[in-house]
Amino acid sequence: MKKILFCTLAGSFCFLISCNDSGTSGSDNSQNAKNLENNRKVVKAIETGDAAVIDSFITSDAIDHQGPNGTDVKGTDSVRHMLIEMHNHVSDLKFDIIADAANGDKIFCLSTMTGTLKDGSWGLPAGTKLNEKGVDIIQFNKDGKMTEHWGFVDPNTMMKHMQEMQGGKMENKMEEKKDTSKKM
């Protein structure tokens, strides 16, 4: 499960367009557009593993609240390392936006991350196909740099991967429990 949270972090930087609101000022729309454009650049950098681009759009005190093992990942170096590791462990890494919105310093996004695990470092066998859905919220500063991230994983996807991590043992244990209760 810890590895799945890390994997779905990818969705954290998946936002493409802002929603127009007649109640927003021109400067707000301009900031929304800037944040969304910067986010697009980070998404592409994660897909390609371009650390320099990631560094240029994350503040030095950035915090990702969806780090490995449920921890906060703090600082540019740590966040960059975590995001580059995604690229290093997943081939054909791709992010697709289902729906998103920007409002001032925050972006909200429902996205899908796909790819194939290159190795077993995430607790799943090499060759496992990923198709992860999640919702992410990213906060930006006035300069258009990412300062914080919160990610929420689709529980169906997480449960599926938990079963895969145990080699289907969860289903087998549930079946065994049913058989035992029938005998009593």
N, C-alpha and C. Protein backbone atom coordinates (compact mmCIF):
# COMPACT_ATOMS: atom_id res chain seq x y z
N MET A 1 0.82 -1.19 0.00
CA MET A 1 0.00 0.00 0.00
C MET A 1 0.87 1.25 0.00
N LYS A 2 1.97 1.21 0.73
CA LYS A 2 2.87 2.34 0.79
C LYS A 2 3.43 2.64 -0.59
N LYS A 3 3.74 1.60 -1.30
CA LYS A 3 4.30 1.78 -2.64
C LYS A 3 3.24 2.35 -3.59
N ILE A 4 1.99 1.97 -3.41
CA ILE A 4 0.91 2.46 -4.25
C ILE A 4 0.74 3.96 -4.06
N LEU A 5 0.82 4.42 -2.83
CA LEU A 5 0.70 5.85 -2.57
C LEU A 5 1.79 6.61 -3.31
N PHE A 6 3.01 6.07 -3.31
CA PHE A 6 4.10 6.70 -4.02
C PHE A 6 3.80 6.75 -5.51
N CYS A 7 3.29 5.65 -6.01
CA CYS A 7 3.00 5.54 -7.44
C CYS A 7 1.96 6.56 -7.87
N THR A 8 0.95 6.71 -7.06
CA THR A 8 -0.12 7.61 -7.45
C THR A 8 0.22 9.07 -7.23
N LEU A 9 1.34 9.30 -6.62
CA LEU A 9 1.79 10.66 -6.47
C LEU A 9 1.87 11.35 -7.84
N ALA A 10 2.15 10.55 -8.85
CA ALA A 10 2.29 11.09 -10.17
C ALA A 10 1.16 11.99 -10.56
N GLY A 11 -0.03 11.64 -10.15
CA GLY A 11 -1.18 12.46 -10.47
C GLY A 11 -1.10 13.84 -9.87
N SER A 12 -0.18 14.04 -8.96
CA SER A 12 -0.07 15.30 -8.25
C SER A 12 0.23 16.49 -9.15
N PHE A 13 0.79 16.25 -10.29
CA PHE A 13 1.16 17.36 -11.16
C PHE A 13 0.47 17.29 -12.52
N CYS A 14 -0.81 16.96 -12.51
CA CYS A 14 -1.52 16.73 -13.76
C CYS A 14 -2.65 17.74 -13.97
N PHE A 15 -2.35 18.93 -14.44
CA PHE A 15 -3.39 19.93 -14.65
C PHE A 15 -3.11 20.68 -15.95
N LEU A 16 -4.12 20.90 -16.78
CA LEU A 16 -3.85 21.52 -18.08
C LEU A 16 -4.55 22.86 -18.32
N ILE A 17 -5.82 22.99 -17.98
CA ILE A 17 -6.53 24.23 -18.31
C ILE A 17 -7.29 24.76 -17.10
N SER A 18 -7.54 26.04 -17.07
CA SER A 18 -8.30 26.60 -15.95
C SER A 18 -9.76 26.75 -16.35
N CYS A 19 -10.61 26.76 -15.34
CA CYS A 19 -12.03 27.03 -15.57
C CYS A 19 -12.21 28.53 -15.55
N ASN A 20 -12.96 29.06 -16.51
CA ASN A 20 -13.25 30.49 -16.51
C ASN A 20 -14.45 30.76 -15.64
N ASP A 21 -14.34 31.78 -14.81
CA ASP A 21 -15.42 32.17 -13.91
C ASP A 21 -15.67 33.65 -14.14
N SER A 22 -16.91 33.99 -14.45
CA SER A 22 -17.21 35.38 -14.75
C SER A 22 -16.92 36.29 -13.57
N GLY A 23 -16.83 35.74 -12.37
CA GLY A 23 -16.56 36.54 -11.18
C GLY A 23 -15.09 36.75 -10.92
N THR A 24 -14.20 36.21 -11.74
CA THR A 24 -12.76 36.35 -11.50
C THR A 24 -12.21 37.52 -12.30
N SER A 25 -11.24 38.19 -11.73
CA SER A 25 -10.63 39.33 -12.41
C SER A 25 -9.64 38.84 -13.45
N GLY A 26 -9.24 39.75 -14.33
CA GLY A 26 -8.28 39.42 -15.37
C GLY A 26 -6.96 38.95 -14.80
N SER A 27 -6.51 39.55 -13.69
CA SER A 27 -5.23 39.13 -13.10
C SER A 27 -5.34 37.73 -12.52
N ASP A 28 -6.52 37.37 -11.96
CA ASP A 28 -6.71 36.01 -11.46
C ASP A 28 -6.65 35.01 -12.60
N ASN A 29 -7.30 35.34 -13.72
CA ASN A 29 -7.25 34.44 -14.88
C ASN A 29 -5.82 34.30 -15.39
N SER A 30 -5.07 35.38 -15.35
CA SER A 30 -3.68 35.35 -15.79
C SER A 30 -2.85 34.44 -14.87
N GLN A 31 -3.07 34.55 -13.55
CA GLN A 31 -2.35 33.70 -12.60
C GLN A 31 -2.75 32.24 -12.77
N ASN A 32 -4.05 31.99 -12.97
CA ASN A 32 -4.52 30.62 -13.22
C ASN A 32 -3.82 30.04 -14.44
N ALA A 33 -3.78 30.82 -15.52
CA ALA A 33 -3.15 30.34 -16.75
C ALA A 33 -1.66 30.08 -16.53
N LYS A 34 -0.99 30.96 -15.78
CA LYS A 34 0.44 30.78 -15.50
C LYS A 34 0.67 29.50 -14.70
N ASN A 35 -0.14 29.29 -13.65
CA ASN A 35 0.01 28.09 -12.82
C ASN A 35 -0.25 26.83 -13.63
N LEU A 36 -1.28 26.86 -14.46
CA LEU A 36 -1.59 25.68 -15.27
C LEU A 36 -0.48 25.39 -16.28
N GLU A 37 0.06 26.43 -16.90
CA GLU A 37 1.16 26.25 -17.85
C GLU A 37 2.40 25.70 -17.16
N ASN A 38 2.72 26.24 -15.99
CA ASN A 38 3.87 25.73 -15.24
C ASN A 38 3.66 24.27 -14.86
N ASN A 39 2.44 23.94 -14.48
CA ASN A 39 2.14 22.56 -14.13
C ASN A 39 2.32 21.62 -15.33
N ARG A 40 1.90 22.07 -16.52
CA ARG A 40 2.08 21.27 -17.74
C ARG A 40 3.55 20.95 -17.95
N LYS A 41 4.39 21.94 -17.69
CA LYS A 41 5.83 21.74 -17.87
C LYS A 41 6.37 20.71 -16.87
N VAL A 42 5.88 20.76 -15.64
CA VAL A 42 6.32 19.80 -14.63
C VAL A 42 5.85 18.39 -14.99
N VAL A 43 4.61 18.27 -15.47
CA VAL A 43 4.08 16.96 -15.87
C VAL A 43 4.97 16.34 -16.95
N LYS A 44 5.31 17.12 -17.95
CA LYS A 44 6.18 16.62 -19.02
C LYS A 44 7.57 16.27 -18.47
N ALA A 45 8.05 17.07 -17.52
CA ALA A 45 9.37 16.79 -16.93
C ALA A 45 9.36 15.49 -16.14
N ILE A 46 8.25 15.18 -15.47
CA ILE A 46 8.16 13.91 -14.75
C ILE A 46 8.16 12.76 -15.76
N GLU A 47 7.40 12.91 -16.84
CA GLU A 47 7.36 11.86 -17.86
C GLU A 47 8.73 11.60 -18.47
N THR A 48 9.52 12.65 -18.68
CA THR A 48 10.82 12.50 -19.34
C THR A 48 11.98 12.37 -18.36
N GLY A 49 11.76 12.72 -17.09
CA GLY A 49 12.82 12.66 -16.09
C GLY A 49 13.72 13.89 -16.10
N ASP A 50 13.22 15.02 -16.57
CA ASP A 50 14.00 16.26 -16.67
C ASP A 50 14.03 16.99 -15.33
N ALA A 51 15.06 16.74 -14.53
CA ALA A 51 15.17 17.31 -13.18
C ALA A 51 15.30 18.83 -13.19
N ALA A 52 15.95 19.39 -14.19
CA ALA A 52 16.15 20.85 -14.24
C ALA A 52 14.81 21.58 -14.33
N VAL A 53 13.90 21.06 -15.12
CA VAL A 53 12.58 21.70 -15.24
C VAL A 53 11.82 21.58 -13.92
N ILE A 54 11.88 20.42 -13.31
CA ILE A 54 11.21 20.24 -12.02
C ILE A 54 11.75 21.24 -11.01
N ASP A 55 13.05 21.39 -10.93
CA ASP A 55 13.67 22.35 -10.00
C ASP A 55 13.18 23.77 -10.22
N SER A 56 12.98 24.14 -11.46
CA SER A 56 12.62 25.53 -11.76
C SER A 56 11.17 25.87 -11.41
N PHE A 57 10.34 24.88 -11.11
CA PHE A 57 8.94 25.14 -10.80
C PHE A 57 8.50 24.67 -9.42
N ILE A 58 9.46 24.32 -8.55
CA ILE A 58 9.14 23.90 -7.19
C ILE A 58 9.93 24.78 -6.22
N THR A 59 9.26 25.31 -5.20
CA THR A 59 9.96 26.15 -4.22
C THR A 59 10.92 25.31 -3.38
N SER A 60 11.90 25.99 -2.81
CA SER A 60 12.91 25.29 -2.01
C SER A 60 12.31 24.64 -0.76
N ASP A 61 11.17 25.16 -0.29
CA ASP A 61 10.53 24.60 0.91
C ASP A 61 9.24 23.84 0.57
N ALA A 62 9.14 23.35 -0.66
CA ALA A 62 7.94 22.62 -1.10
C ALA A 62 7.69 21.41 -0.21
N ILE A 63 6.40 21.09 -0.04
CA ILE A 63 6.00 19.92 0.75
C ILE A 63 5.03 19.09 -0.07
N ASP A 64 5.31 17.79 -0.18
CA ASP A 64 4.37 16.86 -0.79
C ASP A 64 3.82 15.99 0.33
N HIS A 65 2.52 16.11 0.56
CA HIS A 65 1.88 15.40 1.66
C HIS A 65 1.49 13.96 1.29
N GLN A 66 1.88 13.52 0.11
CA GLN A 66 1.56 12.16 -0.34
C GLN A 66 2.84 11.40 -0.68
N GLY A 67 3.82 11.52 0.18
CA GLY A 67 5.09 10.85 -0.04
C GLY A 67 5.02 9.37 0.30
N PRO A 68 6.11 8.64 0.04
CA PRO A 68 6.18 7.22 0.35
C PRO A 68 5.90 6.95 1.83
N ASN A 69 5.24 5.85 2.09
CA ASN A 69 4.95 5.41 3.45
C ASN A 69 4.12 6.43 4.24
N GLY A 70 3.35 7.26 3.54
CA GLY A 70 2.47 8.22 4.20
C GLY A 70 3.20 9.39 4.83
N THR A 71 4.41 9.66 4.39
CA THR A 71 5.20 10.74 4.96
C THR A 71 5.10 12.01 4.13
N ASP A 72 5.45 13.14 4.74
CA ASP A 72 5.62 14.38 4.00
C ASP A 72 7.02 14.39 3.41
N VAL A 73 7.11 14.78 2.15
CA VAL A 73 8.40 14.94 1.50
C VAL A 73 8.63 16.44 1.41
N LYS A 74 9.76 16.91 1.96
CA LYS A 74 10.00 18.35 2.09
C LYS A 74 11.26 18.78 1.36
N GLY A 75 11.16 19.91 0.68
CA GLY A 75 12.30 20.52 0.02
C GLY A 75 12.45 20.11 -1.44
N THR A 76 13.02 21.01 -2.22
CA THR A 76 13.18 20.78 -3.66
C THR A 76 13.93 19.48 -3.95
N ASP A 77 15.04 19.25 -3.27
CA ASP A 77 15.85 18.07 -3.56
C ASP A 77 15.06 16.78 -3.33
N SER A 78 14.34 16.71 -2.22
CA SER A 78 13.58 15.50 -1.90
C SER A 78 12.41 15.29 -2.85
N VAL A 79 11.68 16.37 -3.15
CA VAL A 79 10.53 16.26 -4.06
C VAL A 79 11.03 15.89 -5.45
N ARG A 80 12.09 16.56 -5.92
CA ARG A 80 12.65 16.24 -7.25
C ARG A 80 13.06 14.77 -7.31
N HIS A 81 13.77 14.30 -6.30
CA HIS A 81 14.22 12.91 -6.27
C HIS A 81 13.02 11.96 -6.36
N MET A 82 11.98 12.23 -5.60
CA MET A 82 10.80 11.37 -5.61
C MET A 82 10.15 11.33 -7.00
N LEU A 83 10.03 12.50 -7.63
CA LEU A 83 9.39 12.56 -8.94
C LEU A 83 10.24 11.91 -10.02
N ILE A 84 11.56 12.09 -9.96
CA ILE A 84 12.45 11.46 -10.93
C ILE A 84 12.43 9.94 -10.75
N GLU A 85 12.31 9.48 -9.52
CA GLU A 85 12.23 8.04 -9.26
C GLU A 85 11.02 7.43 -9.96
N MET A 86 9.93 8.18 -10.05
CA MET A 86 8.76 7.67 -10.78
C MET A 86 9.15 7.37 -12.22
N HIS A 87 9.82 8.32 -12.84
CA HIS A 87 10.26 8.13 -14.23
C HIS A 87 11.23 6.96 -14.33
N ASN A 88 12.12 6.82 -13.35
CA ASN A 88 13.13 5.76 -13.40
C ASN A 88 12.55 4.36 -13.22
N HIS A 89 11.41 4.23 -12.56
CA HIS A 89 10.84 2.91 -12.26
C HIS A 89 9.62 2.57 -13.11
N VAL A 90 9.16 3.51 -13.95
CA VAL A 90 7.98 3.26 -14.78
C VAL A 90 8.31 3.60 -16.23
N SER A 91 8.23 2.60 -17.11
CA SER A 91 8.43 2.88 -18.53
C SER A 91 7.11 3.40 -19.10
N ASP A 92 7.18 4.04 -20.23
CA ASP A 92 6.02 4.62 -20.92
C ASP A 92 5.09 5.39 -19.97
N LEU A 93 5.69 6.11 -19.03
CA LEU A 93 4.94 6.91 -18.06
C LEU A 93 4.16 8.00 -18.76
N LYS A 94 2.87 8.08 -18.45
CA LYS A 94 1.99 9.05 -19.12
C LYS A 94 0.94 9.53 -18.14
N PHE A 95 0.60 10.81 -18.21
CA PHE A 95 -0.46 11.40 -17.40
C PHE A 95 -1.56 11.92 -18.32
N ASP A 96 -2.81 11.60 -18.00
CA ASP A 96 -3.95 12.10 -18.77
C ASP A 96 -4.92 12.78 -17.81
N ILE A 97 -5.34 13.98 -18.20
CA ILE A 97 -6.28 14.75 -17.39
C ILE A 97 -7.70 14.36 -17.75
N ILE A 98 -8.49 14.03 -16.74
CA ILE A 98 -9.91 13.75 -16.94
C ILE A 98 -10.70 15.04 -16.76
N ALA A 99 -10.42 15.77 -15.68
CA ALA A 99 -11.06 17.06 -15.41
C ALA A 99 -10.16 17.84 -14.47
N ASP A 100 -10.14 19.18 -14.63
CA ASP A 100 -9.33 20.01 -13.75
C ASP A 100 -9.90 21.41 -13.66
N ALA A 101 -9.42 22.15 -12.66
CA ALA A 101 -9.85 23.54 -12.46
C ALA A 101 -8.77 24.28 -11.71
N ALA A 102 -8.67 25.57 -11.97
CA ALA A 102 -7.72 26.43 -11.24
C ALA A 102 -8.48 27.58 -10.63
N ASN A 103 -8.06 27.94 -9.42
CA ASN A 103 -8.68 29.06 -8.74
C ASN A 103 -7.61 29.72 -7.87
N GLY A 104 -7.09 30.84 -8.33
CA GLY A 104 -6.07 31.54 -7.57
C GLY A 104 -4.81 30.71 -7.44
N ASP A 105 -4.44 30.41 -6.19
CA ASP A 105 -3.18 29.71 -5.95
C ASP A 105 -3.34 28.19 -5.91
N LYS A 106 -4.53 27.66 -6.23
CA LYS A 106 -4.76 26.22 -6.17
C LYS A 106 -5.24 25.67 -7.51
N ILE A 107 -4.79 24.42 -7.76
CA ILE A 107 -5.27 23.66 -8.92
C ILE A 107 -5.84 22.36 -8.38
N PHE A 108 -6.95 21.93 -8.95
CA PHE A 108 -7.61 20.68 -8.59
C PHE A 108 -7.69 19.84 -9.85
N CYS A 109 -7.41 18.54 -9.72
CA CYS A 109 -7.36 17.71 -10.93
C CYS A 109 -7.73 16.26 -10.65
N LEU A 110 -8.55 15.70 -11.52
CA LEU A 110 -8.79 14.26 -11.58
C LEU A 110 -7.99 13.77 -12.77
N SER A 111 -7.07 12.83 -12.53
CA SER A 111 -6.19 12.39 -13.60
C SER A 111 -5.93 10.89 -13.54
N THR A 112 -5.36 10.39 -14.62
CA THR A 112 -4.96 8.99 -14.71
C THR A 112 -3.48 8.94 -15.08
N MET A 113 -2.74 8.09 -14.37
CA MET A 113 -1.35 7.83 -14.68
C MET A 113 -1.27 6.41 -15.21
N THR A 114 -0.60 6.22 -16.34
CA THR A 114 -0.40 4.88 -16.88
C THR A 114 1.09 4.65 -17.10
N GLY A 115 1.44 3.39 -17.20
CA GLY A 115 2.82 3.01 -17.45
C GLY A 115 3.03 1.55 -17.08
N THR A 116 4.25 1.10 -17.21
CA THR A 116 4.62 -0.28 -16.90
C THR A 116 5.80 -0.26 -15.94
N LEU A 117 5.68 -0.99 -14.82
CA LEU A 117 6.77 -1.03 -13.85
C LEU A 117 7.99 -1.73 -14.46
N LYS A 118 9.14 -1.10 -14.32
CA LYS A 118 10.39 -1.66 -14.84
C LYS A 118 10.97 -2.70 -13.89
N ASP A 119 10.65 -2.58 -12.60
CA ASP A 119 11.23 -3.47 -11.59
C ASP A 119 10.23 -3.64 -10.46
N GLY A 120 10.61 -4.37 -9.44
CA GLY A 120 9.71 -4.63 -8.32
C GLY A 120 9.87 -3.68 -7.17
N SER A 121 10.49 -2.53 -7.38
CA SER A 121 10.79 -1.61 -6.28
C SER A 121 9.56 -1.01 -5.62
N TRP A 122 8.41 -1.06 -6.25
CA TRP A 122 7.19 -0.51 -5.66
C TRP A 122 6.33 -1.58 -5.01
N GLY A 123 6.89 -2.76 -4.86
CA GLY A 123 6.15 -3.83 -4.21
C GLY A 123 5.29 -4.64 -5.16
N LEU A 124 5.28 -4.29 -6.42
CA LEU A 124 4.55 -5.03 -7.45
C LEU A 124 5.57 -5.61 -8.41
N PRO A 125 5.23 -6.72 -9.08
CA PRO A 125 6.21 -7.35 -9.98
C PRO A 125 6.55 -6.47 -11.19
N ALA A 126 7.77 -6.59 -11.67
CA ALA A 126 8.16 -5.92 -12.91
C ALA A 126 7.19 -6.33 -14.01
N GLY A 127 6.86 -5.41 -14.86
CA GLY A 127 5.93 -5.67 -15.94
C GLY A 127 4.48 -5.36 -15.59
N THR A 128 4.21 -5.03 -14.33
CA THR A 128 2.84 -4.69 -13.93
C THR A 128 2.40 -3.43 -14.66
N LYS A 129 1.24 -3.50 -15.27
CA LYS A 129 0.67 -2.35 -15.97
C LYS A 129 -0.06 -1.48 -14.95
N LEU A 130 0.24 -0.19 -14.97
CA LEU A 130 -0.39 0.75 -14.06
C LEU A 130 -1.49 1.52 -14.78
N ASN A 131 -2.57 1.74 -14.08
CA ASN A 131 -3.66 2.57 -14.57
C ASN A 131 -4.27 3.20 -13.32
N GLU A 132 -3.66 4.27 -12.83
CA GLU A 132 -3.97 4.86 -11.54
C GLU A 132 -4.81 6.12 -11.70
N LYS A 133 -5.94 6.18 -11.01
CA LYS A 133 -6.74 7.40 -10.98
C LYS A 133 -6.58 8.05 -9.62
N GLY A 134 -6.56 9.37 -9.63
CA GLY A 134 -6.45 10.11 -8.38
C GLY A 134 -6.87 11.55 -8.54
N VAL A 135 -7.09 12.19 -7.40
CA VAL A 135 -7.40 13.62 -7.36
C VAL A 135 -6.25 14.31 -6.64
N ASP A 136 -5.79 15.39 -7.20
CA ASP A 136 -4.67 16.12 -6.62
C ASP A 136 -5.03 17.59 -6.45
N ILE A 137 -4.47 18.18 -5.41
CA ILE A 137 -4.59 19.61 -5.16
C ILE A 137 -3.16 20.13 -5.02
N ILE A 138 -2.84 21.15 -5.80
CA ILE A 138 -1.50 21.73 -5.75
C ILE A 138 -1.64 23.22 -5.47
N GLN A 139 -0.83 23.70 -4.55
CA GLN A 139 -0.81 25.12 -4.21
C GLN A 139 0.43 25.76 -4.82
N PHE A 140 0.24 26.97 -5.36
CA PHE A 140 1.32 27.73 -6.00
C PHE A 140 1.57 29.02 -5.24
N ASN A 141 2.79 29.55 -5.33
CA ASN A 141 3.05 30.87 -4.79
C ASN A 141 2.80 31.91 -5.87
N LYS A 142 2.99 33.19 -5.55
CA LYS A 142 2.69 34.27 -6.51
C LYS A 142 3.61 34.24 -7.73
N ASP A 143 4.76 33.54 -7.62
CA ASP A 143 5.68 33.42 -8.75
C ASP A 143 5.37 32.23 -9.64
N GLY A 144 4.30 31.49 -9.33
CA GLY A 144 3.92 30.35 -10.14
C GLY A 144 4.72 29.10 -9.85
N LYS A 145 5.31 29.02 -8.65
CA LYS A 145 6.04 27.81 -8.26
C LYS A 145 5.19 26.99 -7.30
N MET A 146 5.32 25.67 -7.40
CA MET A 146 4.55 24.75 -6.57
C MET A 146 5.10 24.76 -5.14
N THR A 147 4.19 24.92 -4.16
CA THR A 147 4.61 24.97 -2.76
C THR A 147 4.11 23.76 -1.97
N GLU A 148 2.91 23.24 -2.29
CA GLU A 148 2.37 22.09 -1.56
C GLU A 148 1.52 21.23 -2.48
N HIS A 149 1.45 19.93 -2.12
CA HIS A 149 0.64 18.98 -2.87
C HIS A 149 -0.08 18.04 -1.90
N TRP A 150 -1.35 17.79 -2.19
CA TRP A 150 -2.13 16.78 -1.49
C TRP A 150 -2.71 15.87 -2.55
N GLY A 151 -2.63 14.57 -2.38
CA GLY A 151 -3.15 13.63 -3.36
C GLY A 151 -4.09 12.63 -2.72
N PHE A 152 -5.11 12.25 -3.47
CA PHE A 152 -6.11 11.30 -3.00
C PHE A 152 -6.29 10.23 -4.07
N VAL A 153 -6.10 8.98 -3.67
CA VAL A 153 -6.06 7.85 -4.60
C VAL A 153 -7.44 7.20 -4.69
N ASP A 154 -7.79 6.75 -5.90
CA ASP A 154 -9.02 5.99 -6.10
C ASP A 154 -8.93 4.70 -5.29
N PRO A 155 -9.85 4.49 -4.33
CA PRO A 155 -9.74 3.31 -3.47
C PRO A 155 -9.83 1.98 -4.24
N ASN A 156 -10.56 1.95 -5.35
CA ASN A 156 -10.63 0.72 -6.15
C ASN A 156 -9.27 0.34 -6.72
N THR A 157 -8.54 1.35 -7.19
CA THR A 157 -7.20 1.10 -7.72
C THR A 157 -6.27 0.63 -6.62
N MET A 158 -6.35 1.27 -5.46
CA MET A 158 -5.48 0.89 -4.35
C MET A 158 -5.74 -0.54 -3.91
N MET A 159 -6.99 -0.93 -3.79
CA MET A 159 -7.33 -2.29 -3.37
C MET A 159 -6.83 -3.32 -4.39
N LYS A 160 -6.98 -3.00 -5.65
CA LYS A 160 -6.50 -3.91 -6.70
C LYS A 160 -4.99 -4.15 -6.56
N HIS A 161 -4.24 -3.07 -6.34
CA HIS A 161 -2.79 -3.22 -6.20
C HIS A 161 -2.41 -3.91 -4.90
N MET A 162 -3.17 -3.69 -3.86
CA MET A 162 -2.88 -4.40 -2.61
C MET A 162 -3.02 -5.91 -2.82
N GLN A 163 -4.03 -6.31 -3.57
CA GLN A 163 -4.20 -7.74 -3.88
C GLN A 163 -3.05 -8.24 -4.73
N GLU A 164 -2.62 -7.45 -5.71
CA GLU A 164 -1.51 -7.85 -6.57
C GLU A 164 -0.22 -7.98 -5.75
N MET A 165 -0.04 -7.08 -4.78
CA MET A 165 1.17 -7.13 -3.95
C MET A 165 1.22 -8.41 -3.13
N GLN A 166 0.05 -8.93 -2.79
CA GLN A 166 0.00 -10.16 -2.01
C GLN A 166 -0.22 -11.38 -2.88
N GLY A 167 -0.06 -11.21 -4.17
CA GLY A 167 -0.19 -12.33 -5.10
C GLY A 167 -1.57 -12.95 -5.09
N GLY A 168 -2.60 -12.12 -4.91
CA GLY A 168 -3.98 -12.62 -4.88
C GLY A 168 -4.33 -13.26 -3.55
N LYS A 169 -3.46 -13.19 -2.56
CA LYS A 169 -3.68 -13.87 -1.28
C LYS A 169 -4.87 -13.32 -0.53
N MET A 170 -5.22 -12.05 -0.74
CA MET A 170 -6.37 -11.49 -0.04
C MET A 170 -7.65 -12.24 -0.44
N GLU A 171 -7.80 -12.47 -1.74
CA GLU A 171 -8.98 -13.20 -2.20
C GLU A 171 -8.96 -14.63 -1.68
N ASN A 172 -7.79 -15.27 -1.71
CA ASN A 172 -7.68 -16.65 -1.23
C ASN A 172 -8.03 -16.74 0.25
N LYS A 173 -7.56 -15.80 1.05
CA LYS A 173 -7.86 -15.81 2.48
C LYS A 173 -9.34 -15.62 2.72
N MET A 174 -9.98 -14.78 1.93
CA MET A 174 -11.41 -14.56 2.09
C MET A 174 -12.18 -15.84 1.75
N GLU A 175 -11.75 -16.54 0.71
CA GLU A 175 -12.40 -17.79 0.33
C GLU A 175 -12.21 -18.84 1.42
N GLU A 176 -10.97 -18.91 1.97
CA GLU A 176 -10.70 -19.87 3.05
C GLU A 176 -11.58 -19.59 4.26
N LYS A 177 -11.78 -18.32 4.56
CA LYS A 177 -12.59 -17.94 5.71
C LYS A 177 -14.04 -18.37 5.49
N LYS A 178 -14.55 -18.20 4.27
CA LYS A 178 -15.92 -18.64 3.96
C LYS A 178 -16.05 -20.14 4.13
N ASP A 179 -15.06 -20.91 3.61
CA ASP A 179 -15.09 -22.36 3.71
C ASP A 179 -15.08 -22.81 5.17
N THR A 180 -14.27 -22.19 5.99
CA THR A 180 -14.18 -22.53 7.41
C THR A 180 -15.49 -22.25 8.12
N SER A 181 -16.13 -21.12 7.80
CA SER A 181 -17.37 -20.77 8.48
C SER A 181 -18.51 -21.72 8.07
N LYS A 182 -18.47 -22.26 6.86
CA LYS A 182 -19.49 -23.20 6.41
C LYS A 182 -19.42 -24.52 7.17
N LYS A 183 -18.20 -24.93 7.55
CA LYS A 183 -17.99 -26.20 8.23
C LYS A 183 -18.49 -26.17 9.67
N MET A 184 -18.58 -24.98 10.25
CA MET A 184 -18.98 -24.86 11.66
C MET A 184 -20.42 -24.94 11.78
